[in-house]
Amino acid sequence: MTNEPARLAQQIDELQGSMLAMECFVNSLAGALSPDARQVVQALHATETAAFRSALRNSTAPQATVDAFERDVGRAVTILGQPAE
């Protein structure tokens, strides 16, 4: 019999490491954007965020998932800035 909690903990740790690596990659891409490209990405991010918020609101996603989504959207907005009105 395997140690299921230990296996799950390892998978979570691996996912966290993968997410951190992806965040580093995305942060470096965002830092390299020209002002014009940044505006496009800001607008696309706002549109995608709104769509995912709607999907989450109509789903059975755990509150922890919603909270993590909102936290990371906030971090992305801090990096990218707000789209122009």
PDB file of N, CA and C in Angstrom:
ATOM      1  N   MET A   1       0.848  -1.187   0.000  1.00  0.00           N
ATOM      2  CA  MET A   1       0.000   0.000   0.000  1.00  0.00           C
ATOM      3  C   MET A   1       0.890   1.245   0.000  1.00  0.00           C
ATOM      4  N   THR A   2       0.572   2.213  -0.866  1.00  0.00           N
ATOM      5  CA  THR A   2       1.372   3.433  -0.952  1.00  0.00           C
ATOM      6  C   THR A   2       0.940   4.432   0.103  1.00  0.00           C
ATOM      7  N   ASN A   3       1.802   5.371   0.350  1.00  0.00           N
ATOM      8  CA  ASN A   3       1.509   6.437   1.295  1.00  0.00           C
ATOM      9  C   ASN A   3       0.847   7.578   0.526  1.00  0.00           C
ATOM     10  N   GLU A   4      -0.459   7.523   0.416  1.00  0.00           N
ATOM     11  CA  GLU A   4      -1.218   8.471  -0.394  1.00  0.00           C
ATOM     12  C   GLU A   4      -1.010   9.926   0.046  1.00  0.00           C
ATOM     13  N   PRO A   5      -1.084  10.273   1.315  1.00  0.00           N
ATOM     14  CA  PRO A   5      -0.849  11.675   1.701  1.00  0.00           C
ATOM     15  C   PRO A   5       0.541  12.175   1.287  1.00  0.00           C
ATOM     16  N   ALA A   6       1.560  11.346   1.422  1.00  0.00           N
ATOM     17  CA  ALA A   6       2.913  11.758   1.035  1.00  0.00           C
ATOM     18  C   ALA A   6       2.995  11.953  -0.477  1.00  0.00           C
ATOM     19  N   ARG A   7       2.345  11.091  -1.238  1.00  0.00           N
ATOM     20  CA  ARG A   7       2.337  11.217  -2.697  1.00  0.00           C
ATOM     21  C   ARG A   7       1.621  12.495  -3.111  1.00  0.00           C
ATOM     22  N   LEU A   8       0.494  12.783  -2.493  1.00  0.00           N
ATOM     23  CA  LEU A   8      -0.255  14.002  -2.805  1.00  0.00           C
ATOM     24  C   LEU A   8       0.545  15.245  -2.416  1.00  0.00           C
ATOM     25  N   ALA A   9       1.205  15.203  -1.272  1.00  0.00           N
ATOM     26  CA  ALA A   9       2.029  16.333  -0.841  1.00  0.00           C
ATOM     27  C   ALA A   9       3.153  16.581  -1.843  1.00  0.00           C
ATOM     28  N   GLN A  10       3.763  15.517  -2.339  1.00  0.00           N
ATOM     29  CA  GLN A  10       4.827  15.670  -3.330  1.00  0.00           C
ATOM     30  C   GLN A  10       4.276  16.281  -4.616  1.00  0.00           C
ATOM     31  N   GLN A  11       3.113  15.851  -5.045  1.00  0.00           N
ATOM     32  CA  GLN A  11       2.513  16.415  -6.260  1.00  0.00           C
ATOM     33  C   GLN A  11       2.211  17.906  -6.084  1.00  0.00           C
ATOM     34  N   ILE A  12       1.710  18.269  -4.920  1.00  0.00           N
ATOM     35  CA  ILE A  12       1.430  19.682  -4.634  1.00  0.00           C
ATOM     36  C   ILE A  12       2.727  20.480  -4.658  1.00  0.00           C
ATOM     37  N   ASP A  13       3.772  19.949  -4.042  1.00  0.00           N
ATOM     38  CA  ASP A  13       5.070  20.629  -4.040  1.00  0.00           C
ATOM     39  C   ASP A  13       5.589  20.806  -5.463  1.00  0.00           C
ATOM     40  N   GLU A  14       5.431  19.788  -6.294  1.00  0.00           N
ATOM     41  CA  GLU A  14       5.873  19.882  -7.684  1.00  0.00           C
ATOM     42  C   GLU A  14       5.066  20.933  -8.449  1.00  0.00           C
ATOM     43  N   LEU A  15       3.769  20.975  -8.215  1.00  0.00           N
ATOM     44  CA  LEU A  15       2.929  21.974  -8.864  1.00  0.00           C
ATOM     45  C   LEU A  15       3.323  23.387  -8.441  1.00  0.00           C
ATOM     46  N   GLN A  16       3.631  23.555  -7.160  1.00  0.00           N
ATOM     47  CA  GLN A  16       4.054  24.872  -6.679  1.00  0.00           C
ATOM     48  C   GLN A  16       5.358  25.293  -7.354  1.00  0.00           C
ATOM     49  N   GLY A  17       6.289  24.379  -7.485  1.00  0.00           N
ATOM     50  CA  GLY A  17       7.544  24.683  -8.160  1.00  0.00           C
ATOM     51  C   GLY A  17       7.318  25.044  -9.617  1.00  0.00           C
ATOM     52  N   SER A  18       6.448  24.304 -10.274  1.00  0.00           N
ATOM     53  CA  SER A  18       6.128  24.603 -11.670  1.00  0.00           C
ATOM     54  C   SER A  18       5.474  25.976 -11.808  1.00  0.00           C
ATOM     55  N   MET A  19       4.563  26.288 -10.908  1.00  0.00           N
ATOM     56  CA  MET A  19       3.899  27.592 -10.955  1.00  0.00           C
ATOM     57  C   MET A  19       4.888  28.726 -10.722  1.00  0.00           C
ATOM     58  N   LEU A  20       5.815  28.546  -9.806  1.00  0.00           N
ATOM     59  CA  LEU A  20       6.827  29.583  -9.568  1.00  0.00           C
ATOM     60  C   LEU A  20       7.698  29.787 -10.800  1.00  0.00           C
ATOM     61  N   ALA A  21       8.082  28.705 -11.451  1.00  0.00           N
ATOM     62  CA  ALA A  21       8.890  28.814 -12.664  1.00  0.00           C
ATOM     63  C   ALA A  21       8.116  29.540 -13.762  1.00  0.00           C
ATOM     64  N   MET A  22       6.837  29.224 -13.913  1.00  0.00           N
ATOM     65  CA  MET A  22       6.015  29.900 -14.922  1.00  0.00           C
ATOM     66  C   MET A  22       5.839  31.375 -14.586  1.00  0.00           C
ATOM     67  N   GLU A  23       5.713  31.681 -13.315  1.00  0.00           N
ATOM     68  CA  GLU A  23       5.582  33.086 -12.922  1.00  0.00           C
ATOM     69  C   GLU A  23       6.855  33.857 -13.269  1.00  0.00           C
ATOM     70  N   CYS A  24       8.008  33.270 -13.033  1.00  0.00           N
ATOM     71  CA  CYS A  24       9.272  33.917 -13.408  1.00  0.00           C
ATOM     72  C   CYS A  24       9.313  34.177 -14.908  1.00  0.00           C
ATOM     73  N   PHE A  25       8.901  33.190 -15.681  1.00  0.00           N
ATOM     74  CA  PHE A  25       8.902  33.321 -17.132  1.00  0.00           C
ATOM     75  C   PHE A  25       7.955  34.429 -17.584  1.00  0.00           C
ATOM     76  N   VAL A  26       6.741  34.425 -17.074  1.00  0.00           N
ATOM     77  CA  VAL A  26       5.744  35.425 -17.462  1.00  0.00           C
ATOM     78  C   VAL A  26       6.191  36.815 -17.011  1.00  0.00           C
ATOM     79  N   ASN A  27       6.757  36.926 -15.821  1.00  0.00           N
ATOM     80  CA  ASN A  27       7.245  38.220 -15.336  1.00  0.00           C
ATOM     81  C   ASN A  27       8.330  38.764 -16.254  1.00  0.00           C
ATOM     82  N   SER A  28       9.231  37.890 -16.709  1.00  0.00           N
ATOM     83  CA  SER A  28      10.295  38.350 -17.595  1.00  0.00           C
ATOM     84  C   SER A  28       9.724  38.772 -18.948  1.00  0.00           C
ATOM     85  N   LEU A  29       8.735  38.052 -19.450  1.00  0.00           N
ATOM     86  CA  LEU A  29       8.081  38.459 -20.700  1.00  0.00           C
ATOM     87  C   LEU A  29       7.384  39.811 -20.533  1.00  0.00           C
ATOM     88  N   ALA A  30       6.684  39.988 -19.436  1.00  0.00           N
ATOM     89  CA  ALA A  30       5.977  41.249 -19.194  1.00  0.00           C
ATOM     90  C   ALA A  30       6.963  42.406 -19.113  1.00  0.00           C
ATOM     91  N   GLY A  31       8.117  42.168 -18.515  1.00  0.00           N
ATOM     92  CA  GLY A  31       9.122  43.214 -18.405  1.00  0.00           C
ATOM     93  C   GLY A  31       9.719  43.608 -19.740  1.00  0.00           C
ATOM     94  N   ALA A  32       9.649  42.747 -20.724  1.00  0.00           N
ATOM     95  CA  ALA A  32      10.228  43.010 -22.043  1.00  0.00           C
ATOM     96  C   ALA A  32       9.228  43.638 -23.014  1.00  0.00           C
ATOM     97  N   LEU A  33       7.989  43.827 -22.589  1.00  0.00           N
ATOM     98  CA  LEU A  33       6.974  44.364 -23.494  1.00  0.00           C
ATOM     99  C   LEU A  33       7.231  45.833 -23.823  1.00  0.00           C
ATOM    100  N   SER A  34       7.018  46.179 -25.081  1.00  0.00           N
ATOM    101  CA  SER A  34       7.036  47.584 -25.470  1.00  0.00           C
ATOM    102  C   SER A  34       5.768  48.239 -24.915  1.00  0.00           C
ATOM    103  N   PRO A  35       5.734  49.557 -24.816  1.00  0.00           N
ATOM    104  CA  PRO A  35       4.515  50.214 -24.320  1.00  0.00           C
ATOM    105  C   PRO A  35       3.264  49.829 -25.119  1.00  0.00           C
ATOM    106  N   ASP A  36       3.369  49.739 -26.438  1.00  0.00           N
ATOM    107  CA  ASP A  36       2.208  49.359 -27.256  1.00  0.00           C
ATOM    108  C   ASP A  36       1.775  47.923 -26.985  1.00  0.00           C
ATOM    109  N   ALA A  37       2.743  47.016 -26.903  1.00  0.00           N
ATOM    110  CA  ALA A  37       2.425  45.616 -26.620  1.00  0.00           C
ATOM    111  C   ALA A  37       1.837  45.483 -25.218  1.00  0.00           C
ATOM    112  N   ARG A  38       2.341  46.263 -24.274  1.00  0.00           N
ATOM    113  CA  ARG A  38       1.817  46.216 -22.898  1.00  0.00           C
ATOM    114  C   ARG A  38       0.336  46.574 -22.890  1.00  0.00           C
ATOM    115  N   GLN A  39      -0.053  47.581 -23.654  1.00  0.00           N
ATOM    116  CA  GLN A  39      -1.468  47.976 -23.708  1.00  0.00           C
ATOM    117  C   GLN A  39      -2.332  46.843 -24.243  1.00  0.00           C
ATOM    118  N   VAL A  40      -1.846  46.158 -25.263  1.00  0.00           N
ATOM    119  CA  VAL A  40      -2.595  45.034 -25.834  1.00  0.00           C
ATOM    120  C   VAL A  40      -2.732  43.921 -24.800  1.00  0.00           C
ATOM    121  N   VAL A  41      -1.647  43.581 -24.128  1.00  0.00           N
ATOM    122  CA  VAL A  41      -1.674  42.509 -23.129  1.00  0.00           C
ATOM    123  C   VAL A  41      -2.570  42.899 -21.955  1.00  0.00           C
ATOM    124  N   GLN A  42      -2.520  44.156 -21.530  1.00  0.00           N
ATOM    125  CA  GLN A  42      -3.403  44.611 -20.451  1.00  0.00           C
ATOM    126  C   GLN A  42      -4.865  44.400 -20.820  1.00  0.00           C
ATOM    127  N   ALA A  43      -5.235  44.787 -22.024  1.00  0.00           N
ATOM    128  CA  ALA A  43      -6.627  44.644 -22.473  1.00  0.00           C
ATOM    129  C   ALA A  43      -7.023  43.178 -22.585  1.00  0.00           C
ATOM    130  N   LEU A  44      -6.150  42.354 -23.163  1.00  0.00           N
ATOM    131  CA  LEU A  44      -6.449  40.928 -23.279  1.00  0.00           C
ATOM    132  C   LEU A  44      -6.552  40.270 -21.910  1.00  0.00           C
ATOM    133  N   HIS A  45      -5.670  40.643 -21.009  1.00  0.00           N
ATOM    134  CA  HIS A  45      -5.712  40.082 -19.648  1.00  0.00           C
ATOM    135  C   HIS A  45      -7.017  40.455 -18.962  1.00  0.00           C
ATOM    136  N   ALA A  46      -7.441  41.704 -19.107  1.00  0.00           N
ATOM    137  CA  ALA A  46      -8.706  42.134 -18.495  1.00  0.00           C
ATOM    138  C   ALA A  46      -9.885  41.340 -19.048  1.00  0.00           C
ATOM    139  N   THR A  47      -9.897  41.104 -20.350  1.00  0.00           N
ATOM    140  CA  THR A  47     -10.976  40.337 -20.980  1.00  0.00           C
ATOM    141  C   THR A  47     -10.975  38.888 -20.498  1.00  0.00           C
ATOM    142  N   GLU A  48      -9.793  38.267 -20.496  1.00  0.00           N
ATOM    143  CA  GLU A  48      -9.683  36.878 -20.040  1.00  0.00           C
ATOM    144  C   GLU A  48     -10.059  36.753 -18.566  1.00  0.00           C
ATOM    145  N   THR A  49      -9.623  37.699 -17.754  1.00  0.00           N
ATOM    146  CA  THR A  49      -9.933  37.676 -16.329  1.00  0.00           C
ATOM    147  C   THR A  49     -11.440  37.739 -16.106  1.00  0.00           C
ATOM    148  N   ALA A  50     -12.112  38.616 -16.834  1.00  0.00           N
ATOM    149  CA  ALA A  50     -13.569  38.730 -16.700  1.00  0.00           C
ATOM    150  C   ALA A  50     -14.254  37.421 -17.092  1.00  0.00           C
ATOM    151  N   ALA A  51     -13.795  36.798 -18.162  1.00  0.00           N
ATOM    152  CA  ALA A  51     -14.399  35.533 -18.597  1.00  0.00           C
ATOM    153  C   ALA A  51     -14.188  34.435 -17.560  1.00  0.00           C
ATOM    154  N   PHE A  52     -12.972  34.351 -17.017  1.00  0.00           N
ATOM    155  CA  PHE A  52     -12.707  33.319 -16.015  1.00  0.00           C
ATOM    156  C   PHE A  52     -13.455  33.592 -14.715  1.00  0.00           C
ATOM    157  N   ARG A  53     -13.600  34.860 -14.336  1.00  0.00           N
ATOM    158  CA  ARG A  53     -14.394  35.178 -13.136  1.00  0.00           C
ATOM    159  C   ARG A  53     -15.831  34.684 -13.305  1.00  0.00           C
ATOM    160  N   SER A  54     -16.381  34.925 -14.474  1.00  0.00           N
ATOM    161  CA  SER A  54     -17.749  34.479 -14.746  1.00  0.00           C
ATOM    162  C   SER A  54     -17.839  32.960 -14.663  1.00  0.00           C
ATOM    163  N   ALA A  55     -16.869  32.277 -15.259  1.00  0.00           N
ATOM    164  CA  ALA A  55     -16.877  30.810 -15.222  1.00  0.00           C
ATOM    165  C   ALA A  55     -16.729  30.307 -13.788  1.00  0.00           C
ATOM    166  N   LEU A  56     -15.847  30.924 -13.028  1.00  0.00           N
ATOM    167  CA  LEU A  56     -15.672  30.496 -11.634  1.00  0.00           C
ATOM    168  C   LEU A  56     -16.935  30.739 -10.815  1.00  0.00           C
ATOM    169  N   ARG A  57     -17.576  31.870 -11.054  1.00  0.00           N
ATOM    170  CA  ARG A  57     -18.794  32.212 -10.306  1.00  0.00           C
ATOM    171  C   ARG A  57     -19.887  31.169 -10.549  1.00  0.00           C
ATOM    172  N   ASN A  58     -19.909  30.595 -11.751  1.00  0.00           N
ATOM    173  CA  ASN A  58     -20.929  29.611 -12.115  1.00  0.00           C
ATOM    174  C   ASN A  58     -20.458  28.168 -11.965  1.00  0.00           C
ATOM    175  N   SER A  59     -19.355  27.982 -11.251  1.00  0.00           N
ATOM    176  CA  SER A  59     -18.799  26.638 -11.092  1.00  0.00           C
ATOM    177  C   SER A  59     -18.905  26.195  -9.631  1.00  0.00           C
ATOM    178  N   THR A  60     -18.422  25.000  -9.403  1.00  0.00           N
ATOM    179  CA  THR A  60     -18.351  24.479  -8.039  1.00  0.00           C
ATOM    180  C   THR A  60     -16.915  24.525  -7.514  1.00  0.00           C
ATOM    181  N   ALA A  61     -16.115  25.428  -8.092  1.00  0.00           N
ATOM    182  CA  ALA A  61     -14.715  25.546  -7.666  1.00  0.00           C
ATOM    183  C   ALA A  61     -14.644  25.872  -6.181  1.00  0.00           C
ATOM    184  N   PRO A  62     -13.696  25.268  -5.477  1.00  0.00           N
ATOM    185  CA  PRO A  62     -13.531  25.585  -4.058  1.00  0.00           C
ATOM    186  C   PRO A  62     -13.139  27.052  -3.865  1.00  0.00           C
ATOM    187  N   GLN A  63     -13.489  27.596  -2.722  1.00  0.00           N
ATOM    188  CA  GLN A  63     -13.165  28.988  -2.427  1.00  0.00           C
ATOM    189  C   GLN A  63     -11.657  29.233  -2.488  1.00  0.00           C
ATOM    190  N   ALA A  64     -10.861  28.253  -2.107  1.00  0.00           N
ATOM    191  CA  ALA A  64      -9.408  28.407  -2.172  1.00  0.00           C
ATOM    192  C   ALA A  64      -8.947  28.634  -3.606  1.00  0.00           C
ATOM    193  N   THR A  65      -9.593  28.007  -4.566  1.00  0.00           N
ATOM    194  CA  THR A  65      -9.260  28.201  -5.969  1.00  0.00           C
ATOM    195  C   THR A  65      -9.598  29.621  -6.403  1.00  0.00           C
ATOM    196  N   VAL A  66     -10.770  30.082  -6.027  1.00  0.00           N
ATOM    197  CA  VAL A  66     -11.202  31.441  -6.367  1.00  0.00           C
ATOM    198  C   VAL A  66     -10.266  32.464  -5.724  1.00  0.00           C
ATOM    199  N   ASP A  67      -9.932  32.256  -4.469  1.00  0.00           N
ATOM    200  CA  ASP A  67      -9.040  33.178  -3.760  1.00  0.00           C
ATOM    201  C   ASP A  67      -7.659  33.231  -4.407  1.00  0.00           C
ATOM    202  N   ALA A  68      -7.119  32.081  -4.788  1.00  0.00           N
ATOM    203  CA  ALA A  68      -5.809  32.040  -5.445  1.00  0.00           C
ATOM    204  C   ALA A  68      -5.874  32.731  -6.804  1.00  0.00           C
ATOM    205  N   PHE A  69      -6.956  32.527  -7.535  1.00  0.00           N
ATOM    206  CA  PHE A  69      -7.149  33.200  -8.821  1.00  0.00           C
ATOM    207  C   PHE A  69      -7.114  34.717  -8.631  1.00  0.00           C
ATOM    208  N   GLU A  70      -7.897  35.210  -7.686  1.00  0.00           N
ATOM    209  CA  GLU A  70      -7.963  36.660  -7.447  1.00  0.00           C
ATOM    210  C   GLU A  70      -6.611  37.209  -6.991  1.00  0.00           C
ATOM    211  N   ARG A  71      -5.914  36.482  -6.142  1.00  0.00           N
ATOM    212  CA  ARG A  71      -4.596  36.910  -5.668  1.00  0.00           C
ATOM    213  C   ARG A  71      -3.635  37.042  -6.847  1.00  0.00           C
ATOM    214  N   ASP A  72      -3.620  36.034  -7.706  1.00  0.00           N
ATOM    215  CA  ASP A  72      -2.672  36.033  -8.817  1.00  0.00           C
ATOM    216  C   ASP A  72      -3.065  37.016  -9.920  1.00  0.00           C
ATOM    217  N   VAL A  73      -4.349  37.264 -10.097  1.00  0.00           N
ATOM    218  CA  VAL A  73      -4.782  38.313 -11.022  1.00  0.00           C
ATOM    219  C   VAL A  73      -4.270  39.666 -10.512  1.00  0.00           C
ATOM    220  N   GLY A  74      -4.378  39.877  -9.218  1.00  0.00           N
ATOM    221  CA  GLY A  74      -3.869  41.121  -8.639  1.00  0.00           C
ATOM    222  C   GLY A  74      -2.375  41.287  -8.851  1.00  0.00           C
ATOM    223  N   ARG A  75      -1.635  40.202  -8.707  1.00  0.00           N
ATOM    224  CA  ARG A  75      -0.193  40.256  -8.934  1.00  0.00           C
ATOM    225  C   ARG A  75       0.107  40.569 -10.391  1.00  0.00           C
ATOM    226  N   ALA A  76      -0.657  39.985 -11.312  1.00  0.00           N
ATOM    227  CA  ALA A  76      -0.444  40.255 -12.732  1.00  0.00           C
ATOM    228  C   ALA A  76      -0.739  41.717 -13.053  1.00  0.00           C
ATOM    229  N   VAL A  77      -1.789  42.256 -12.478  1.00  0.00           N
ATOM    230  CA  VAL A  77      -2.142  43.662 -12.713  1.00  0.00           C
ATOM    231  C   VAL A  77      -1.048  44.569 -12.150  1.00  0.00           C
ATOM    232  N   THR A  78      -0.460  44.184 -11.034  1.00  0.00           N
ATOM    233  CA  THR A  78       0.647  44.963 -10.484  1.00  0.00           C
ATOM    234  C   THR A  78       1.824  44.994 -11.455  1.00  0.00           C
ATOM    235  N   ILE A  79       2.086  43.882 -12.104  1.00  0.00           N
ATOM    236  CA  ILE A  79       3.199  43.794 -13.057  1.00  0.00           C
ATOM    237  C   ILE A  79       2.862  44.535 -14.353  1.00  0.00           C
ATOM    238  N   LEU A  80       1.666  44.311 -14.879  1.00  0.00           N
ATOM    239  CA  LEU A  80       1.280  44.877 -16.170  1.00  0.00           C
ATOM    240  C   LEU A  80       0.756  46.302 -16.075  1.00  0.00           C
ATOM    241  N   GLY A  81       0.111  46.631 -14.981  1.00  0.00           N
ATOM    242  CA  GLY A  81      -0.611  47.880 -14.857  1.00  0.00           C
ATOM    243  C   GLY A  81      -2.047  47.683 -15.326  1.00  0.00           C
ATOM    244  N   GLN A  82      -2.860  48.674 -15.060  1.00  0.00           N
ATOM    245  CA  GLN A  82      -4.280  48.633 -15.454  1.00  0.00           C
ATOM    246  C   GLN A  82      -4.415  49.008 -16.921  1.00  0.00           C
ATOM    247  N   PRO A  83      -5.361  48.400 -17.639  1.00  0.00           N
ATOM    248  CA  PRO A  83      -5.582  48.823 -19.025  1.00  0.00           C
ATOM    249  C   PRO A  83      -6.139  50.256 -19.063  1.00  0.00           C
ATOM    250  N   ALA A  84      -5.854  50.963 -20.142  1.00  0.00           N
ATOM    251  CA  ALA A  84      -6.362  52.319 -20.314  1.00  0.00           C
ATOM    252  C   ALA A  84      -7.879  52.265 -20.454  1.00  0.00           C
ATOM    253  N   GLU A  85      -8.537  53.239 -19.911  1.00  0.00           N
ATOM    254  CA  GLU A  85     -10.005  53.317 -19.977  1.00  0.00           C
ATOM    255  C   GLU A  85     -10.437  53.901 -21.290  1.00  0.00           C
TER     256      GLU A  85
END
